[in-house]
Amino acid sequence: MHIDVRRTGGIAGGTRTWHVDTDTCDDPSGWSELVGALPGDAPSTLAPAPAVRDDFTWTITVERTTVTIPGTRLDGPWAALVTRVRSEGTPS
């Protein structure tokens, strides 16, 4: 399974990207559990929360499903996935 995380915005307005191919990692079952915990009914884009100056926007792609989440609304299983991809994934 291929997972991409893209962070845009912030003070500098830059973009950072990380990716993971779970089929080639040491813990593919752990990744499957993490992805399995994601809400199945998540919309492709969450409505923005009240404007927060210099907030990040997270775009997360798992296989063929892409979700865009404002930084102020990144929590729960989505935040856990982003944290793990950032720590174990390859930046690009």
PDB file of N, CA and C in Angstrom:
ATOM      1  N   MET A   1       0.854  -1.165   0.000  1.00  0.00           N
ATOM      2  CA  MET A   1       0.000   0.000   0.000  1.00  0.00           C
ATOM      3  C   MET A   1       0.899   1.227   0.000  1.00  0.00           C
ATOM      4  N   HIS A   2       0.528   2.219  -0.782  1.00  0.00           N
ATOM      5  CA  HIS A   2       1.312   3.443  -0.900  1.00  0.00           C
ATOM      6  C   HIS A   2       0.577   4.568  -0.178  1.00  0.00           C
ATOM      7  N   ILE A   3       1.293   5.301   0.698  1.00  0.00           N
ATOM      8  CA  ILE A   3       0.710   6.400   1.457  1.00  0.00           C
ATOM      9  C   ILE A   3       1.562   7.642   1.225  1.00  0.00           C
ATOM     10  N   ASP A   4       0.899   8.748   0.865  1.00  0.00           N
ATOM     11  CA  ASP A   4       1.567  10.040   0.699  1.00  0.00           C
ATOM     12  C   ASP A   4       0.945  11.038   1.656  1.00  0.00           C
ATOM     13  N   VAL A   5       1.785  11.881   2.258  1.00  0.00           N
ATOM     14  CA  VAL A   5       1.325  12.973   3.111  1.00  0.00           C
ATOM     15  C   VAL A   5       1.978  14.247   2.592  1.00  0.00           C
ATOM     16  N   ARG A   6       1.149  15.264   2.332  1.00  0.00           N
ATOM     17  CA  ARG A   6       1.666  16.557   1.871  1.00  0.00           C
ATOM     18  C   ARG A   6       1.178  17.636   2.827  1.00  0.00           C
ATOM     19  N   ARG A   7       2.111  18.457   3.295  1.00  0.00           N
ATOM     20  CA  ARG A   7       1.776  19.572   4.179  1.00  0.00           C
ATOM     21  C   ARG A   7       2.057  20.871   3.443  1.00  0.00           C
ATOM     22  N   THR A   8       1.060  21.732   3.365  1.00  0.00           N
ATOM     23  CA  THR A   8       1.226  23.033   2.725  1.00  0.00           C
ATOM     24  C   THR A   8       0.825  24.123   3.706  1.00  0.00           C
ATOM     25  N   GLY A   9       1.264  25.332   3.418  1.00  0.00           N
ATOM     26  CA  GLY A   9       0.881  26.475   4.246  1.00  0.00           C
ATOM     27  C   GLY A   9       1.918  26.784   5.297  1.00  0.00           C
ATOM     28  N   GLY A  10       1.424  27.244   6.448  1.00  0.00           N
ATOM     29  CA  GLY A  10       2.328  27.663   7.512  1.00  0.00           C
ATOM     30  C   GLY A  10       2.832  29.071   7.263  1.00  0.00           C
ATOM     31  N   ILE A  11       3.722  29.499   8.094  1.00  0.00           N
ATOM     32  CA  ILE A  11       4.241  30.875   8.006  1.00  0.00           C
ATOM     33  C   ILE A  11       4.935  31.120   6.673  1.00  0.00           C
ATOM     34  N   ALA A  12       5.751  30.166   6.237  1.00  0.00           N
ATOM     35  CA  ALA A  12       6.504  30.346   4.992  1.00  0.00           C
ATOM     36  C   ALA A  12       5.699  29.961   3.759  1.00  0.00           C
ATOM     37  N   GLY A  13       4.576  29.283   3.950  1.00  0.00           N
ATOM     38  CA  GLY A  13       3.755  28.887   2.811  1.00  0.00           C
ATOM     39  C   GLY A  13       4.372  27.795   1.969  1.00  0.00           C
ATOM     40  N   GLY A  14       5.299  27.054   2.514  1.00  0.00           N
ATOM     41  CA  GLY A  14       5.986  26.009   1.758  1.00  0.00           C
ATOM     42  C   GLY A  14       5.227  24.694   1.730  1.00  0.00           C
ATOM     43  N   THR A  15       5.777  23.752   0.991  1.00  0.00           N
ATOM     44  CA  THR A  15       5.193  22.419   0.871  1.00  0.00           C
ATOM     45  C   THR A  15       6.247  21.383   1.251  1.00  0.00           C
ATOM     46  N   ARG A  16       5.830  20.412   2.052  1.00  0.00           N
ATOM     47  CA  ARG A  16       6.683  19.269   2.400  1.00  0.00           C
ATOM     48  C   ARG A  16       5.887  18.011   2.088  1.00  0.00           C
ATOM     49  N   THR A  17       6.577  16.968   1.672  1.00  0.00           N
ATOM     50  CA  THR A  17       5.919  15.717   1.312  1.00  0.00           C
ATOM     51  C   THR A  17       6.703  14.543   1.871  1.00  0.00           C
ATOM     52  N   TRP A  18       5.958  13.532   2.349  1.00  0.00           N
ATOM     53  CA  TRP A  18       6.541  12.279   2.826  1.00  0.00           C
ATOM     54  C   TRP A  18       5.764  11.141   2.193  1.00  0.00           C
ATOM     55  N   HIS A  19       6.435  10.015   1.955  1.00  0.00           N
ATOM     56  CA  HIS A  19       5.718   8.867   1.398  1.00  0.00           C
ATOM     57  C   HIS A  19       6.252   7.566   2.002  1.00  0.00           C
ATOM     58  N   VAL A  20       5.366   6.567   2.008  1.00  0.00           N
ATOM     59  CA  VAL A  20       5.691   5.245   2.533  1.00  0.00           C
ATOM     60  C   VAL A  20       5.097   4.206   1.605  1.00  0.00           C
ATOM     61  N   ASP A  21       5.850   3.175   1.319  1.00  0.00           N
ATOM     62  CA  ASP A  21       5.335   1.985   0.645  1.00  0.00           C
ATOM     63  C   ASP A  21       5.309   0.899   1.710  1.00  0.00           C
ATOM     64  N   THR A  22       4.126   0.614   2.239  1.00  0.00           N
ATOM     65  CA  THR A  22       4.023  -0.298   3.378  1.00  0.00           C
ATOM     66  C   THR A  22       4.402  -1.732   3.032  1.00  0.00           C
ATOM     67  N   ASP A  23       4.391  -2.070   1.761  1.00  0.00           N
ATOM     68  CA  ASP A  23       4.749  -3.433   1.358  1.00  0.00           C
ATOM     69  C   ASP A  23       6.240  -3.712   1.531  1.00  0.00           C
ATOM     70  N   THR A  24       7.040  -2.658   1.611  1.00  0.00           N
ATOM     71  CA  THR A  24       8.485  -2.840   1.736  1.00  0.00           C
ATOM     72  C   THR A  24       9.004  -2.473   3.124  1.00  0.00           C
ATOM     73  N   CYS A  25       8.110  -2.163   4.074  1.00  0.00           N
ATOM     74  CA  CYS A  25       8.552  -1.817   5.436  1.00  0.00           C
ATOM     75  C   CYS A  25       8.649  -3.041   6.320  1.00  0.00           C
ATOM     76  N   ASP A  26       9.192  -2.792   7.507  1.00  0.00           N
ATOM     77  CA  ASP A  26       9.361  -3.864   8.490  1.00  0.00           C
ATOM     78  C   ASP A  26       8.054  -4.293   9.150  1.00  0.00           C
ATOM     79  N   ASP A  27       7.022  -3.419   9.146  1.00  0.00           N
ATOM     80  CA  ASP A  27       5.794  -3.686   9.893  1.00  0.00           C
ATOM     81  C   ASP A  27       4.543  -3.451   9.037  1.00  0.00           C
ATOM     82  N   PRO A  28       4.342  -4.221   7.952  1.00  0.00           N
ATOM     83  CA  PRO A  28       3.177  -3.975   7.105  1.00  0.00           C
ATOM     84  C   PRO A  28       1.851  -4.181   7.826  1.00  0.00           C
ATOM     85  N   SER A  29       1.788  -5.107   8.779  1.00  0.00           N
ATOM     86  CA  SER A  29       0.529  -5.332   9.487  1.00  0.00           C
ATOM     87  C   SER A  29       0.190  -4.151  10.392  1.00  0.00           C
ATOM     88  N   GLY A  30       1.193  -3.515  10.973  1.00  0.00           N
ATOM     89  CA  GLY A  30       0.963  -2.318  11.785  1.00  0.00           C
ATOM     90  C   GLY A  30       0.388  -1.183  10.965  1.00  0.00           C
ATOM     91  N   TRP A  31       0.898  -1.041   9.733  1.00  0.00           N
ATOM     92  CA  TRP A  31       0.361  -0.022   8.837  1.00  0.00           C
ATOM     93  C   TRP A  31      -1.081  -0.346   8.453  1.00  0.00           C
ATOM     94  N   SER A  32      -1.355  -1.624   8.203  1.00  0.00           N
ATOM     95  CA  SER A  32      -2.727  -2.020   7.847  1.00  0.00           C
ATOM     96  C   SER A  32      -3.694  -1.707   8.984  1.00  0.00           C
ATOM     97  N   GLU A  33      -3.268  -1.951  10.229  1.00  0.00           N
ATOM     98  CA  GLU A  33      -4.117  -1.631  11.384  1.00  0.00           C
ATOM     99  C   GLU A  33      -4.353  -0.127  11.486  1.00  0.00           C
ATOM    100  N   LEU A  34      -3.307   0.658  11.263  1.00  0.00           N
ATOM    101  CA  LEU A  34      -3.432   2.109  11.336  1.00  0.00           C
ATOM    102  C   LEU A  34      -4.392   2.628  10.269  1.00  0.00           C
ATOM    103  N   VAL A  35      -4.250   2.134   9.054  1.00  0.00           N
ATOM    104  CA  VAL A  35      -5.139   2.548   7.971  1.00  0.00           C
ATOM    105  C   VAL A  35      -6.553   2.038   8.224  1.00  0.00           C
ATOM    106  N   GLY A  36      -6.685   0.837   8.763  1.00  0.00           N
ATOM    107  CA  GLY A  36      -7.993   0.284   9.068  1.00  0.00           C
ATOM    108  C   GLY A  36      -8.761   1.081  10.107  1.00  0.00           C
ATOM    109  N   ALA A  37      -8.053   1.839  10.947  1.00  0.00           N
ATOM    110  CA  ALA A  37      -8.698   2.660  11.970  1.00  0.00           C
ATOM    111  C   ALA A  37      -9.227   3.983  11.428  1.00  0.00           C
ATOM    112  N   LEU A  38      -8.873   4.310  10.180  1.00  0.00           N
ATOM    113  CA  LEU A  38      -9.357   5.570   9.595  1.00  0.00           C
ATOM    114  C   LEU A  38     -10.859   5.496   9.364  1.00  0.00           C
ATOM    115  N   PRO A  39     -11.557   6.616   9.543  1.00  0.00           N
ATOM    116  CA  PRO A  39     -12.999   6.612   9.296  1.00  0.00           C
ATOM    117  C   PRO A  39     -13.289   6.299   7.832  1.00  0.00           C
ATOM    118  N   GLY A  40     -14.198   5.380   7.590  1.00  0.00           N
ATOM    119  CA  GLY A  40     -14.530   4.985   6.223  1.00  0.00           C
ATOM    120  C   GLY A  40     -15.398   5.979   5.492  1.00  0.00           C
ATOM    121  N   ASP A  41     -16.041   6.867   6.222  1.00  0.00           N
ATOM    122  CA  ASP A  41     -16.952   7.820   5.596  1.00  0.00           C
ATOM    123  C   ASP A  41     -16.376   9.225   5.516  1.00  0.00           C
ATOM    124  N   ALA A  42     -15.035   9.336   5.591  1.00  0.00           N
ATOM    125  CA  ALA A  42     -14.416  10.664   5.559  1.00  0.00           C
ATOM    126  C   ALA A  42     -14.627  11.314   4.202  1.00  0.00           C
ATOM    127  N   PRO A  43     -15.064  12.565   4.193  1.00  0.00           N
ATOM    128  CA  PRO A  43     -15.206  13.272   2.916  1.00  0.00           C
ATOM    129  C   PRO A  43     -13.837  13.539   2.315  1.00  0.00           C
ATOM    130  N   SER A  44     -13.798  13.820   1.029  1.00  0.00           N
ATOM    131  CA  SER A  44     -12.516  14.072   0.390  1.00  0.00           C
ATOM    132  C   SER A  44     -11.893  15.374   0.875  1.00  0.00           C
ATOM    133  N   THR A  45     -12.703  16.329   1.314  1.00  0.00           N
ATOM    134  CA  THR A  45     -12.193  17.577   1.866  1.00  0.00           C
ATOM    135  C   THR A  45     -13.070  17.979   3.035  1.00  0.00           C
ATOM    136  N   LEU A  46     -12.459  18.201   4.179  1.00  0.00           N
ATOM    137  CA  LEU A  46     -13.211  18.672   5.329  1.00  0.00           C
ATOM    138  C   LEU A  46     -13.393  20.177   5.222  1.00  0.00           C
ATOM    139  N   ALA A  47     -14.560  20.660   5.589  1.00  0.00           N
ATOM    140  CA  ALA A  47     -14.809  22.097   5.579  1.00  0.00           C
ATOM    141  C   ALA A  47     -13.817  22.780   6.505  1.00  0.00           C
ATOM    142  N   PRO A  48     -13.291  23.915   6.087  1.00  0.00           N
ATOM    143  CA  PRO A  48     -12.312  24.574   6.928  1.00  0.00           C
ATOM    144  C   PRO A  48     -12.918  24.979   8.266  1.00  0.00           C
ATOM    145  N   ALA A  49     -12.110  24.877   9.290  1.00  0.00           N
ATOM    146  CA  ALA A  49     -12.490  25.390  10.595  1.00  0.00           C
ATOM    147  C   ALA A  49     -12.388  26.914  10.504  1.00  0.00           C
ATOM    148  N   PRO A  50     -12.814  27.626  11.531  1.00  0.00           N
ATOM    149  CA  PRO A  50     -12.618  29.074  11.494  1.00  0.00           C
ATOM    150  C   PRO A  50     -11.164  29.390  11.137  1.00  0.00           C
ATOM    151  N   ALA A  51     -10.994  30.442  10.372  1.00  0.00           N
ATOM    152  CA  ALA A  51      -9.667  30.786   9.858  1.00  0.00           C
ATOM    153  C   ALA A  51      -8.632  30.889  10.969  1.00  0.00           C
ATOM    154  N   VAL A  52      -7.521  30.219  10.741  1.00  0.00           N
ATOM    155  CA  VAL A  52      -6.389  30.276  11.658  1.00  0.00           C
ATOM    156  C   VAL A  52      -5.194  30.727  10.840  1.00  0.00           C
ATOM    157  N   ARG A  53      -4.662  31.831  11.204  1.00  0.00           N
ATOM    158  CA  ARG A  53      -3.540  32.399  10.458  1.00  0.00           C
ATOM    159  C   ARG A  53      -2.369  31.426  10.432  1.00  0.00           C
ATOM    160  N   ASP A  54      -1.786  31.242   9.273  1.00  0.00           N
ATOM    161  CA  ASP A  54      -0.591  30.415   9.075  1.00  0.00           C
ATOM    162  C   ASP A  54      -0.793  28.936   9.425  1.00  0.00           C
ATOM    163  N   ASP A  55      -2.019  28.447   9.330  1.00  0.00           N
ATOM    164  CA  ASP A  55      -2.311  27.041   9.599  1.00  0.00           C
ATOM    165  C   ASP A  55      -1.778  26.182   8.449  1.00  0.00           C
ATOM    166  N   PHE A  56      -1.462  24.931   8.751  1.00  0.00           N
ATOM    167  CA  PHE A  56      -1.088  23.985   7.716  1.00  0.00           C
ATOM    168  C   PHE A  56      -2.343  23.346   7.132  1.00  0.00           C
ATOM    169  N   THR A  57      -2.222  22.854   5.924  1.00  0.00           N
ATOM    170  CA  THR A  57      -3.235  22.014   5.301  1.00  0.00           C
ATOM    171  C   THR A  57      -2.557  20.693   4.986  1.00  0.00           C
ATOM    172  N   TRP A  58      -3.200  19.588   5.382  1.00  0.00           N
ATOM    173  CA  TRP A  58      -2.650  18.249   5.181  1.00  0.00           C
ATOM    174  C   TRP A  58      -3.446  17.534   4.101  1.00  0.00           C
ATOM    175  N   THR A  59      -2.755  17.014   3.106  1.00  0.00           N
ATOM    176  CA  THR A  59      -3.378  16.204   2.062  1.00  0.00           C
ATOM    177  C   THR A  59      -2.792  14.808   2.186  1.00  0.00           C
ATOM    178  N   ILE A  60      -3.675  13.853   2.464  1.00  0.00           N
ATOM    179  CA  ILE A  60      -3.253  12.486   2.749  1.00  0.00           C
ATOM    180  C   ILE A  60      -3.837  11.571   1.688  1.00  0.00           C
ATOM    181  N   THR A  61      -2.986  10.802   1.036  1.00  0.00           N
ATOM    182  CA  THR A  61      -3.433   9.854   0.017  1.00  0.00           C
ATOM    183  C   THR A  61      -3.051   8.451   0.456  1.00  0.00           C
ATOM    184  N   VAL A  62      -4.063   7.592   0.548  1.00  0.00           N
ATOM    185  CA  VAL A  62      -3.856   6.174   0.862  1.00  0.00           C
ATOM    186  C   VAL A  62      -4.396   5.411  -0.338  1.00  0.00           C
ATOM    187  N   GLU A  63      -3.461   4.816  -1.092  1.00  0.00           N
ATOM    188  CA  GLU A  63      -3.820   4.163  -2.350  1.00  0.00           C
ATOM    189  C   GLU A  63      -4.513   5.175  -3.266  1.00  0.00           C
ATOM    190  N   ARG A  64      -5.810   5.018  -3.521  1.00  0.00           N
ATOM    191  CA  ARG A  64      -6.519   5.923  -4.446  1.00  0.00           C
ATOM    192  C   ARG A  64      -7.462   6.884  -3.740  1.00  0.00           C
ATOM    193  N   THR A  65      -7.395   6.947  -2.424  1.00  0.00           N
ATOM    194  CA  THR A  65      -8.269   7.836  -1.659  1.00  0.00           C
ATOM    195  C   THR A  65      -7.448   9.002  -1.124  1.00  0.00           C
ATOM    196  N   THR A  66      -7.902  10.226  -1.400  1.00  0.00           N
ATOM    197  CA  THR A  66      -7.222  11.428  -0.950  1.00  0.00           C
ATOM    198  C   THR A  66      -8.158  12.252  -0.086  1.00  0.00           C
ATOM    199  N   VAL A  67      -7.632  12.702   1.051  1.00  0.00           N
ATOM    200  CA  VAL A  67      -8.383  13.538   1.989  1.00  0.00           C
ATOM    201  C   VAL A  67      -7.539  14.769   2.281  1.00  0.00           C
ATOM    202  N   THR A  68      -8.178  15.944   2.303  1.00  0.00           N
ATOM    203  CA  THR A  68      -7.505  17.183   2.658  1.00  0.00           C
ATOM    204  C   THR A  68      -8.101  17.679   3.969  1.00  0.00           C
ATOM    205  N   ILE A  69      -7.219  17.944   4.942  1.00  0.00           N
ATOM    206  CA  ILE A  69      -7.666  18.301   6.284  1.00  0.00           C
ATOM    207  C   ILE A  69      -6.922  19.554   6.753  1.00  0.00           C
ATOM    208  N   PRO A  70      -7.657  20.581   7.202  1.00  0.00           N
ATOM    209  CA  PRO A  70      -6.979  21.742   7.800  1.00  0.00           C
ATOM    210  C   PRO A  70      -6.233  21.311   9.059  1.00  0.00           C
ATOM    211  N   GLY A  71      -5.108  21.929   9.324  1.00  0.00           N
ATOM    212  CA  GLY A  71      -4.291  21.560  10.471  1.00  0.00           C
ATOM    213  C   GLY A  71      -5.033  21.599  11.788  1.00  0.00           C
ATOM    214  N   THR A  72      -5.935  22.540  11.959  1.00  0.00           N
ATOM    215  CA  THR A  72      -6.684  22.632  13.211  1.00  0.00           C
ATOM    216  C   THR A  72      -7.669  21.491  13.390  1.00  0.00           C
ATOM    217  N   ARG A  73      -7.943  20.737  12.315  1.00  0.00           N
ATOM    218  CA  ARG A  73      -8.889  19.618  12.403  1.00  0.00           C
ATOM    219  C   ARG A  73      -8.208  18.264  12.260  1.00  0.00           C
ATOM    220  N   LEU A  74      -6.882  18.255  12.214  1.00  0.00           N
ATOM    221  CA  LEU A  74      -6.137  17.004  12.106  1.00  0.00           C
ATOM    222  C   LEU A  74      -6.032  16.377  13.485  1.00  0.00           C
ATOM    223  N   ASP A  75      -6.801  15.296  13.703  1.00  0.00           N
ATOM    224  CA  ASP A  75      -6.772  14.632  14.996  1.00  0.00           C
ATOM    225  C   ASP A  75      -7.127  13.161  14.827  1.00  0.00           C
ATOM    226  N   GLY A  76      -7.138  12.436  15.923  1.00  0.00           N
ATOM    227  CA  GLY A  76      -7.532  11.031  15.913  1.00  0.00           C
ATOM    228  C   GLY A  76      -6.676  10.179  14.998  1.00  0.00           C
ATOM    229  N   PRO A  77      -7.324   9.228  14.292  1.00  0.00           N
ATOM    230  CA  PRO A  77      -6.572   8.301  13.435  1.00  0.00           C
ATOM    231  C   PRO A  77      -5.810   8.996  12.303  1.00  0.00           C
ATOM    232  N   TRP A  78      -6.370  10.109  11.783  1.00  0.00           N
ATOM    233  CA  TRP A  78      -5.656  10.828  10.717  1.00  0.00           C
ATOM    234  C   TRP A  78      -4.357  11.404  11.246  1.00  0.00           C
ATOM    235  N   ALA A  79      -4.381  11.984  12.444  1.00  0.00           N
ATOM    236  CA  ALA A  79      -3.168  12.543  13.036  1.00  0.00           C
ATOM    237  C   ALA A  79      -2.147  11.443  13.322  1.00  0.00           C
ATOM    238  N   ALA A  80      -2.615  10.292  13.788  1.00  0.00           N
ATOM    239  CA  ALA A  80      -1.711   9.166  14.053  1.00  0.00           C
ATOM    240  C   ALA A  80      -1.031   8.710  12.767  1.00  0.00           C
ATOM    241  N   LEU A  81      -1.796   8.643  11.675  1.00  0.00           N
ATOM    242  CA  LEU A  81      -1.218   8.236  10.388  1.00  0.00           C
ATOM    243  C   LEU A  81      -0.185   9.251   9.923  1.00  0.00           C
ATOM    244  N   VAL A  82      -0.506  10.531   9.991  1.00  0.00           N
ATOM    245  CA  VAL A  82       0.428  11.581   9.576  1.00  0.00           C
ATOM    246  C   VAL A  82       1.711  11.513  10.401  1.00  0.00           C
ATOM    247  N   THR A  83       1.573  11.353  11.701  1.00  0.00           N
ATOM    248  CA  THR A  83       2.745  11.273  12.579  1.00  0.00           C
ATOM    249  C   THR A  83       3.652  10.107  12.187  1.00  0.00           C
ATOM    250  N   ARG A  84       3.060   8.956  11.933  1.00  0.00           N
ATOM    251  CA  ARG A  84       3.880   7.787  11.592  1.00  0.00           C
ATOM    252  C   ARG A  84       4.522   7.943  10.214  1.00  0.00           C
ATOM    253  N   VAL A  85       3.784   8.453   9.242  1.00  0.00           N
ATOM    254  CA  VAL A  85       4.370   8.656   7.905  1.00  0.00           C
ATOM    255  C   VAL A  85       5.516   9.644   7.979  1.00  0.00           C
ATOM    256  N   ARG A  86       5.347  10.719   8.744  1.00  0.00           N
ATOM    257  CA  ARG A  86       6.427  11.707   8.874  1.00  0.00           C
ATOM    258  C   ARG A  86       7.652  11.131   9.567  1.00  0.00           C
ATOM    259  N   SER A  87       7.445  10.255  10.545  1.00  0.00           N
ATOM    260  CA  SER A  87       8.606   9.735  11.272  1.00  0.00           C
ATOM    261  C   SER A  87       9.285   8.571  10.546  1.00  0.00           C
ATOM    262  N   GLU A  88       8.520   7.761   9.811  1.00  0.00           N
ATOM    263  CA  GLU A  88       9.103   6.579   9.174  1.00  0.00           C
ATOM    264  C   GLU A  88       9.194   6.682   7.644  1.00  0.00           C
ATOM    265  N   GLY A  89       8.514   7.666   7.083  1.00  0.00           N
ATOM    266  CA  GLY A  89       8.477   7.783   5.629  1.00  0.00           C
ATOM    267  C   GLY A  89       9.694   8.482   5.059  1.00  0.00           C
ATOM    268  N   THR A  90       9.718   8.536   3.761  1.00  0.00           N
ATOM    269  CA  THR A  90      10.797   9.196   3.035  1.00  0.00           C
ATOM    270  C   THR A  90      10.341  10.600   2.629  1.00  0.00           C
ATOM    271  N   PRO A  91      11.073  11.631   3.080  1.00  0.00           N
ATOM    272  CA  PRO A  91      10.707  12.982   2.649  1.00  0.00           C
ATOM    273  C   PRO A  91      11.086  13.193   1.186  1.00  0.00           C
ATOM    274  N   SER A  92      10.312  14.027   0.532  1.00  0.00           N
ATOM    275  CA  SER A  92      10.660  14.348  -0.862  1.00  0.00           C
ATOM    276  C   SER A  92      10.350  15.807  -1.139  1.00  0.00           C
TER     277      SER A  92
END
